[in-house]
Amino acid sequence: TVAYGGTSSCGVCADNKYSDAGASSCTACATDKGYANTGTTAASHAGVASCTTTCKGAQYVATAGAGCVTVGTGYYGEGGTVAQNAILARVQCPENYRTGAAAAGISGCLAKCGAGTMVASANAACSTPNNTTYGASWYTAEHNVNYGSTSKSLSKV
């Protein structure tokens, strides 16, 4: 509070600090979790949302204020910039495409086809080849197929 006739001086928070409206001091961003902010204007340090971090592909932020972590097997995350008071979601890969390592996008989700099976059309599950289409003398070894793709090769027995 400033008394009548008094003076007040306001300043902009230092880098990696923010202030909420009406606050009398600055609060540190969670730099130990990768959050930061910079700038010379009050808007650059306005509230906890001004503290951001950038997650790489195949990473997400599970709870507000947590750091970036790998999405895990069977999931993908496209990465991106997230505010300290927000989350960055991961997405479960489509059914039948959850055997691969953490992926940076849906096309990185993998189906593991066993020997004698294949993905005949994009996004389908592994299945036994149709003998009418491929003939009885074709064989496939165990292989992985990315979501959006089909099995690449059949071997003649």
Protein backbone atom coordinates (compact mmCIF):
# COMPACT_ATOMS: atom_id res chain seq x y z
CA THR A 1 0.00 0.00 0.00
CA VAL A 2 1.26 3.44 -0.87
CA ALA A 3 0.22 6.36 1.36
CA TYR A 4 -1.23 9.52 -0.17
CA GLY A 5 1.61 11.58 -1.52
CA GLY A 6 4.02 8.61 -1.35
CA THR A 7 5.77 6.86 -4.19
CA SER A 8 6.03 3.29 -5.27
CA SER A 9 8.31 1.52 -7.65
CA CYS A 10 7.43 -1.69 -9.39
CA GLY A 11 9.90 -3.79 -11.25
CA VAL A 12 9.81 -6.73 -13.60
CA CYS A 13 10.75 -10.09 -12.11
CA ALA A 14 14.17 -11.46 -13.00
CA ASP A 15 14.58 -14.30 -15.47
CA ASN A 16 13.12 -17.63 -14.26
CA LYS A 17 10.75 -15.87 -11.84
CA TYR A 18 7.11 -14.88 -12.09
CA SER A 19 4.59 -12.79 -10.20
CA ASP A 20 0.84 -13.14 -9.85
CA ALA A 21 -1.34 -10.03 -10.14
CA GLY A 22 -1.15 -8.00 -6.94
CA ALA A 23 1.75 -9.99 -5.50
CA SER A 24 4.45 -8.12 -3.62
CA SER A 25 7.27 -10.48 -4.60
CA CYS A 26 8.43 -12.82 -7.33
CA THR A 27 8.31 -16.62 -7.18
CA ALA A 28 10.88 -18.91 -8.81
CA CYS A 29 9.97 -21.10 -11.79
CA ALA A 30 10.66 -24.82 -11.27
CA THR A 31 14.03 -24.64 -13.03
CA ASP A 32 15.00 -28.03 -11.58
CA LYS A 33 12.21 -29.48 -13.75
CA GLY A 34 13.25 -27.46 -16.83
CA TYR A 35 10.79 -24.54 -16.55
CA ALA A 36 12.04 -21.04 -17.35
CA ASN A 37 11.01 -17.61 -18.56
CA THR A 38 12.87 -14.55 -19.83
CA GLY A 39 12.02 -11.06 -20.96
CA THR A 40 12.01 -7.44 -19.92
CA THR A 41 8.24 -6.86 -19.77
CA ALA A 42 5.80 -7.69 -17.00
CA ALA A 43 3.86 -9.87 -19.46
CA SER A 44 6.95 -12.10 -19.81
CA HIS A 45 6.71 -12.93 -16.10
CA ALA A 46 2.93 -12.78 -15.55
CA GLY A 47 1.87 -15.77 -13.49
CA VAL A 48 3.10 -19.34 -13.27
CA ALA A 49 1.97 -19.94 -16.87
CA SER A 50 4.86 -17.73 -18.01
CA CYS A 51 7.25 -20.49 -16.89
CA THR A 52 7.48 -23.02 -19.72
CA THR A 53 9.50 -26.03 -20.80
CA THR A 54 9.76 -27.82 -24.13
CA CYS A 55 9.44 -31.60 -24.28
CA LYS A 56 10.96 -33.54 -27.16
CA GLY A 57 8.97 -36.01 -29.23
CA ALA A 58 8.10 -39.18 -27.25
CA GLN A 59 7.91 -37.12 -24.03
CA TYR A 60 5.00 -35.76 -21.98
CA VAL A 61 4.21 -34.01 -18.68
CA ALA A 62 1.88 -36.13 -16.54
CA THR A 63 1.03 -33.59 -13.84
CA ALA A 64 1.29 -29.81 -13.70
CA GLY A 65 4.74 -28.75 -12.56
CA ALA A 66 6.38 -32.10 -13.30
CA GLY A 67 9.22 -32.40 -15.78
CA CYS A 68 9.20 -34.05 -19.21
CA VAL A 69 9.36 -37.86 -19.13
CA THR A 70 9.29 -40.59 -21.79
CA VAL A 71 5.78 -41.66 -22.82
CA GLY A 72 6.53 -45.38 -22.44
CA THR A 73 5.91 -48.49 -24.52
CA GLY A 74 2.65 -48.44 -26.45
CA TYR A 75 2.26 -44.65 -26.31
CA TYR A 76 3.26 -41.66 -28.39
CA GLY A 77 3.77 -37.99 -27.63
CA GLU A 78 4.50 -35.29 -30.13
CA GLY A 79 6.31 -33.09 -27.62
CA GLY A 80 5.91 -29.33 -27.49
CA THR A 81 6.00 -26.38 -25.14
CA VAL A 82 4.01 -26.59 -21.92
CA ALA A 83 3.38 -24.13 -19.09
CA GLN A 84 4.35 -25.05 -15.54
CA ASN A 85 0.67 -25.12 -14.50
CA ALA A 86 -0.42 -27.44 -17.32
CA ILE A 87 0.07 -30.98 -18.62
CA LEU A 88 1.24 -32.26 -21.98
CA ALA A 89 -0.65 -35.45 -22.77
CA ARG A 90 0.56 -38.75 -24.10
CA VAL A 91 -1.67 -40.85 -26.36
CA GLN A 92 -2.03 -44.62 -26.34
CA CYS A 93 -1.15 -46.20 -29.66
CA PRO A 94 -4.02 -47.83 -31.55
CA GLU A 95 -4.95 -51.39 -30.61
CA ASN A 96 -2.61 -53.95 -32.21
CA TYR A 97 0.14 -51.30 -32.53
CA ARG A 98 1.38 -51.11 -28.93
CA THR A 99 4.53 -53.23 -29.01
CA GLY A 100 7.07 -50.60 -29.99
CA ALA A 101 9.14 -48.31 -27.82
CA ALA A 102 7.96 -44.80 -26.97
CA ALA A 103 7.08 -43.00 -30.20
CA ALA A 104 7.16 -39.34 -31.24
CA GLY A 105 4.00 -39.66 -33.35
CA ILE A 106 1.29 -42.15 -34.28
CA SER A 107 3.32 -43.41 -37.25
CA GLY A 108 5.94 -44.63 -34.74
CA CYS A 109 3.46 -47.06 -33.15
CA LEU A 110 4.39 -50.65 -34.03
CA ALA A 111 2.57 -53.90 -34.63
CA LYS A 112 4.68 -57.03 -34.19
CA CYS A 113 3.55 -59.60 -36.74
CA GLY A 114 4.46 -63.19 -36.04
CA ALA A 115 5.89 -65.51 -38.65
CA GLY A 116 3.27 -66.35 -41.24
CA THR A 117 1.23 -63.18 -40.61
CA MET A 118 1.18 -59.75 -42.20
CA VAL A 119 -0.57 -56.38 -42.26
CA ALA A 120 -2.33 -56.42 -45.62
CA SER A 121 -3.90 -52.95 -45.46
CA ALA A 122 -2.81 -49.81 -43.59
CA ASN A 123 -3.80 -49.73 -39.90
CA ALA A 124 -5.12 -53.31 -39.92
CA ALA A 125 -4.07 -56.00 -37.45
CA CYS A 126 -1.58 -58.74 -38.31
CA SER A 127 -3.36 -61.66 -39.94
CA THR A 128 -2.68 -64.72 -42.04
CA PRO A 129 -2.27 -63.79 -45.73
CA ASN A 130 -5.23 -64.55 -47.97
CA ASN A 131 -4.24 -67.52 -50.15
CA THR A 132 -6.56 -66.27 -52.91
CA THR A 133 -4.59 -63.03 -53.15
CA TYR A 134 -1.08 -64.19 -52.30
CA GLY A 135 -1.14 -67.90 -53.09
CA ALA A 136 -0.34 -70.75 -50.73
CA SER A 137 3.40 -70.65 -51.46
CA TRP A 138 4.10 -67.28 -49.78
CA TYR A 139 5.57 -66.88 -46.29
CA THR A 140 6.40 -63.98 -43.98
CA ALA A 141 9.03 -63.95 -41.25
CA GLU A 142 8.38 -62.20 -37.92
CA HIS A 143 8.48 -58.45 -38.52
CA ASN A 144 7.31 -55.05 -37.26
CA VAL A 145 4.94 -52.72 -39.11
CA ASN A 146 4.48 -49.00 -38.37
CA TYR A 147 0.94 -47.66 -37.98
CA GLY A 148 -0.24 -46.41 -41.37
CA SER A 149 1.92 -48.90 -43.29
CA THR A 150 1.60 -52.43 -44.59
CA SER A 151 3.93 -55.42 -44.46
CA LYS A 152 6.63 -54.87 -47.06
CA SER A 153 7.72 -58.27 -48.22
CA LEU A 154 6.55 -61.80 -48.60
CA SER A 155 8.97 -64.62 -49.33
CA LYS A 156 8.32 -67.31 -51.88
CA VAL A 157 8.56 -70.73 -50.25
